[in-house]
Amino acid sequence: MSGRRKSLLPPQTDFSRSVRACQFGGEMRIHVRESLLEAPVSVVQG
C-alpha cells in the first residue's frame, strides 16, 4: 500500500487520484489525505 510508484509519477497524477478517491468516500479518504501530504514531499525530494 505504501509502494504505489508515487515517486515515479508526478504530483499531478497523485492529485488526480486523490480527487477520485474523495468521490469514492470511504477508506480511500484517509489515503487521499496522505497522498496530498506526500505529493509535496515527493516534489521536494525528487
PDB file of N, CA and C in Angstrom:
ATOM      1  N   MET A   1       0.854  -1.205   0.000  1.00  0.00           N
ATOM      2  CA  MET A   1       0.000   0.000   0.000  1.00  0.00           C
ATOM      3  C   MET A   1       0.886   1.249   0.000  1.00  0.00           C
ATOM      4  N   SER A   2       2.025   1.149   0.669  1.00  0.00           N
ATOM      5  CA  SER A   2       2.908   2.322   0.772  1.00  0.00           C
ATOM      6  C   SER A   2       3.746   2.453  -0.512  1.00  0.00           C
ATOM      7  N   GLY A   3       3.764   1.411  -1.326  1.00  0.00           N
ATOM      8  CA  GLY A   3       4.572   1.462  -2.558  1.00  0.00           C
ATOM      9  C   GLY A   3       3.694   1.529  -3.795  1.00  0.00           C
ATOM     10  N   ARG A   4       3.217   2.709  -4.107  1.00  0.00           N
ATOM     11  CA  ARG A   4       2.337   2.832  -5.286  1.00  0.00           C
ATOM     12  C   ARG A   4       3.046   3.667  -6.351  1.00  0.00           C
ATOM     13  N   ARG A   5       4.371   3.425  -6.535  1.00  0.00           N
ATOM     14  CA  ARG A   5       5.179   4.182  -7.509  1.00  0.00           C
ATOM     15  C   ARG A   5       4.680   5.628  -7.603  1.00  0.00           C
ATOM     16  N   LYS A   6       4.433   6.214  -6.466  1.00  0.00           N
ATOM     17  CA  LYS A   6       4.007   7.628  -6.452  1.00  0.00           C
ATOM     18  C   LYS A   6       5.217   8.523  -6.730  1.00  0.00           C
ATOM     19  N   SER A   7       6.394   7.973  -6.456  1.00  0.00           N
ATOM     20  CA  SER A   7       7.627   8.762  -6.672  1.00  0.00           C
ATOM     21  C   SER A   7       7.891   8.866  -8.181  1.00  0.00           C
ATOM     22  N   LEU A   8       7.548   7.799  -8.891  1.00  0.00           N
ATOM     23  CA  LEU A   8       7.781   7.790 -10.339  1.00  0.00           C
ATOM     24  C   LEU A   8       6.801   8.727 -11.042  1.00  0.00           C
ATOM     25  N   LEU A   9       5.571   8.720 -10.544  1.00  0.00           N
ATOM     26  CA  LEU A   9       4.550   9.582 -11.157  1.00  0.00           C
ATOM     27  C   LEU A   9       4.640  10.988 -10.579  1.00  0.00           C
ATOM     28  N   PRO A  10       4.303  11.967 -11.395  1.00  0.00           N
ATOM     29  CA  PRO A  10       4.347  13.370 -10.957  1.00  0.00           C
ATOM     30  C   PRO A  10       3.262  13.666  -9.934  1.00  0.00           C
ATOM     31  N   PRO A  11       3.331  14.832  -9.307  1.00  0.00           N
ATOM     32  CA  PRO A  11       2.339  15.224  -8.303  1.00  0.00           C
ATOM     33  C   PRO A  11       0.951  15.383  -8.928  1.00  0.00           C
ATOM     34  N   GLN A  12       0.930  15.743 -10.210  1.00  0.00           N
ATOM     35  CA  GLN A  12      -0.364  15.925 -10.885  1.00  0.00           C
ATOM     36  C   GLN A  12      -1.169  14.627 -10.859  1.00  0.00           C
ATOM     37  N   THR A  13      -0.484  13.517 -11.092  1.00  0.00           N
ATOM     38  CA  THR A  13      -1.184  12.224 -11.099  1.00  0.00           C
ATOM     39  C   THR A  13      -1.703  11.919  -9.702  1.00  0.00           C
ATOM     40  N   ASP A  14      -0.886  12.213  -8.699  1.00  0.00           N
ATOM     41  CA  ASP A  14      -1.313  11.953  -7.312  1.00  0.00           C
ATOM     42  C   ASP A  14      -2.548  12.776  -6.990  1.00  0.00           C
ATOM     43  N   PHE A  15      -2.511  14.018  -7.387  1.00  0.00           N
ATOM     44  CA  PHE A  15      -3.642  14.909  -7.088  1.00  0.00           C
ATOM     45  C   PHE A  15      -4.907  14.377  -7.764  1.00  0.00           C
ATOM     46  N   SER A  16      -4.771  13.966  -9.006  1.00  0.00           N
ATOM     47  CA  SER A  16      -5.934  13.453  -9.756  1.00  0.00           C
ATOM     48  C   SER A  16      -6.507  12.238  -9.027  1.00  0.00           C
ATOM     49  N   ARG A  17      -5.620  11.390  -8.564  1.00  0.00           N
ATOM     50  CA  ARG A  17      -6.058  10.160  -7.884  1.00  0.00           C
ATOM     51  C   ARG A  17      -6.739  10.549  -6.569  1.00  0.00           C
ATOM     52  N   SER A  18      -6.182  11.526  -5.900  1.00  0.00           N
ATOM     53  CA  SER A  18      -6.741  11.946  -4.601  1.00  0.00           C
ATOM     54  C   SER A  18      -8.170  12.457  -4.815  1.00  0.00           C
ATOM     55  N   VAL A  19      -8.376  13.206  -5.886  1.00  0.00           N
ATOM     56  CA  VAL A  19      -9.723  13.749  -6.154  1.00  0.00           C
ATOM     57  C   VAL A  19     -10.692  12.599  -6.400  1.00  0.00           C
ATOM     58  N   ARG A  20     -10.242  11.611  -7.129  1.00  0.00           N
ATOM     59  CA  ARG A  20     -11.119  10.476  -7.453  1.00  0.00           C
ATOM     60  C   ARG A  20     -11.436   9.712  -6.159  1.00  0.00           C
ATOM     61  N   ALA A  21     -10.450   9.573  -5.323  1.00  0.00           N
ATOM     62  CA  ALA A  21     -10.641   8.862  -4.048  1.00  0.00           C
ATOM     63  C   ALA A  21     -11.673   9.615  -3.211  1.00  0.00           C
ATOM     64  N   CYS A  22     -11.611  10.928  -3.239  1.00  0.00           N
ATOM     65  CA  CYS A  22     -12.553  11.741  -2.449  1.00  0.00           C
ATOM     66  C   CYS A  22     -13.974  11.386  -2.886  1.00  0.00           C
ATOM     67  N   GLN A  23     -14.179  11.227  -4.158  1.00  0.00           N
ATOM     68  CA  GLN A  23     -15.523  10.897  -4.668  1.00  0.00           C
ATOM     69  C   GLN A  23     -15.946   9.522  -4.161  1.00  0.00           C
ATOM     70  N   PHE A  24     -14.984   8.631  -4.023  1.00  0.00           N
ATOM     71  CA  PHE A  24     -15.282   7.278  -3.554  1.00  0.00           C
ATOM     72  C   PHE A  24     -15.920   7.348  -2.170  1.00  0.00           C
ATOM     73  N   GLY A  25     -15.347   8.186  -1.315  1.00  0.00           N
ATOM     74  CA  GLY A  25     -15.904   8.354   0.042  1.00  0.00           C
ATOM     75  C   GLY A  25     -15.797   7.050   0.820  1.00  0.00           C
ATOM     76  N   GLY A  26     -14.699   6.859   1.535  1.00  0.00           N
ATOM     77  CA  GLY A  26     -14.540   5.617   2.316  1.00  0.00           C
ATOM     78  C   GLY A  26     -13.127   5.522   2.869  1.00  0.00           C
ATOM     79  N   GLU A  27     -12.575   4.337   2.853  1.00  0.00           N
ATOM     80  CA  GLU A  27     -11.203   4.161   3.366  1.00  0.00           C
ATOM     81  C   GLU A  27     -10.216   4.976   2.522  1.00  0.00           C
ATOM     82  N   MET A  28     -10.561   5.193   1.273  1.00  0.00           N
ATOM     83  CA  MET A  28      -9.657   5.957   0.397  1.00  0.00           C
ATOM     84  C   MET A  28      -9.479   7.377   0.941  1.00  0.00           C
ATOM     85  N   ARG A  29     -10.476   7.853   1.615  1.00  0.00           N
ATOM     86  CA  ARG A  29     -10.421   9.237   2.123  1.00  0.00           C
ATOM     87  C   ARG A  29      -9.129   9.427   2.924  1.00  0.00           C
ATOM     88  N   ILE A  30      -8.812   8.471   3.763  1.00  0.00           N
ATOM     89  CA  ILE A  30      -7.588   8.590   4.581  1.00  0.00           C
ATOM     90  C   ILE A  30      -6.373   8.589   3.645  1.00  0.00           C
ATOM     91  N   HIS A  31      -6.427   7.734   2.641  1.00  0.00           N
ATOM     92  CA  HIS A  31      -5.299   7.635   1.703  1.00  0.00           C
ATOM     93  C   HIS A  31      -5.128   8.967   0.955  1.00  0.00           C
ATOM     94  N   VAL A  32      -6.244   9.605   0.666  1.00  0.00           N
ATOM     95  CA  VAL A  32      -6.201  10.881  -0.070  1.00  0.00           C
ATOM     96  C   VAL A  32      -5.411  11.899   0.744  1.00  0.00           C
ATOM     97  N   ARG A  33      -5.692  11.946   2.026  1.00  0.00           N
ATOM     98  CA  ARG A  33      -5.009  12.934   2.880  1.00  0.00           C
ATOM     99  C   ARG A  33      -3.506  12.660   2.850  1.00  0.00           C
ATOM    100  N   GLU A  34      -3.140  11.410   2.960  1.00  0.00           N
ATOM    101  CA  GLU A  34      -1.712  11.081   2.965  1.00  0.00           C
ATOM    102  C   GLU A  34      -1.099  11.386   1.593  1.00  0.00           C
ATOM    103  N   SER A  35      -1.855  11.150   0.560  1.00  0.00           N
ATOM    104  CA  SER A  35      -1.359  11.402  -0.799  1.00  0.00           C
ATOM    105  C   SER A  35      -1.050  12.892  -0.973  1.00  0.00           C
ATOM    106  N   LEU A  36      -1.942  13.721  -0.473  1.00  0.00           N
ATOM    107  CA  LEU A  36      -1.748  15.173  -0.614  1.00  0.00           C
ATOM    108  C   LEU A  36      -0.515  15.611   0.160  1.00  0.00           C
ATOM    109  N   LEU A  37      -0.310  14.981   1.314  1.00  0.00           N
ATOM    110  CA  LEU A  37       0.848  15.360   2.140  1.00  0.00           C
ATOM    111  C   LEU A  37       2.123  14.807   1.516  1.00  0.00           C
ATOM    112  N   GLU A  38       1.999  13.659   0.875  1.00  0.00           N
ATOM    113  CA  GLU A  38       3.180  13.044   0.269  1.00  0.00           C
ATOM    114  C   GLU A  38       3.494  13.667  -1.093  1.00  0.00           C
ATOM    115  N   ALA A  39       2.489  14.216  -1.724  1.00  0.00           N
ATOM    116  CA  ALA A  39       2.682  14.817  -3.048  1.00  0.00           C
ATOM    117  C   ALA A  39       3.749  15.914  -2.988  1.00  0.00           C
ATOM    118  N   PRO A  40       3.601  16.885  -2.094  1.00  0.00           N
ATOM    119  CA  PRO A  40       4.581  17.963  -1.984  1.00  0.00           C
ATOM    120  C   PRO A  40       5.943  17.439  -1.536  1.00  0.00           C
ATOM    121  N   VAL A  41       5.937  16.440  -0.690  1.00  0.00           N
ATOM    122  CA  VAL A  41       7.205  15.881  -0.195  1.00  0.00           C
ATOM    123  C   VAL A  41       7.959  15.241  -1.357  1.00  0.00           C
ATOM    124  N   SER A  42       7.232  14.540  -2.200  1.00  0.00           N
ATOM    125  CA  SER A  42       7.863  13.871  -3.344  1.00  0.00           C
ATOM    126  C   SER A  42       8.514  14.907  -4.256  1.00  0.00           C
ATOM    127  N   VAL A  43       7.862  16.030  -4.415  1.00  0.00           N
ATOM    128  CA  VAL A  43       8.379  17.080  -5.300  1.00  0.00           C
ATOM    129  C   VAL A  43       9.683  17.638  -4.733  1.00  0.00           C
ATOM    130  N   VAL A  44       9.712  17.799  -3.432  1.00  0.00           N
ATOM    131  CA  VAL A  44      10.908  18.367  -2.803  1.00  0.00           C
ATOM    132  C   VAL A  44      12.048  17.357  -2.844  1.00  0.00           C
ATOM    133  N   GLN A  45      11.714  16.084  -2.628  1.00  0.00           N
ATOM    134  CA  GLN A  45      12.749  15.045  -2.618  1.00  0.00           C
ATOM    135  C   GLN A  45      13.200  14.740  -4.044  1.00  0.00           C
ATOM    136  N   GLY A  46      12.237  14.763  -4.989  1.00  0.00           N
ATOM    137  CA  GLY A  46      12.545  14.406  -6.372  1.00  0.00           C
ATOM    138  C   GLY A  46      13.104  15.598  -7.078  1.00  0.00           C
TER     139      GLY A  46
END
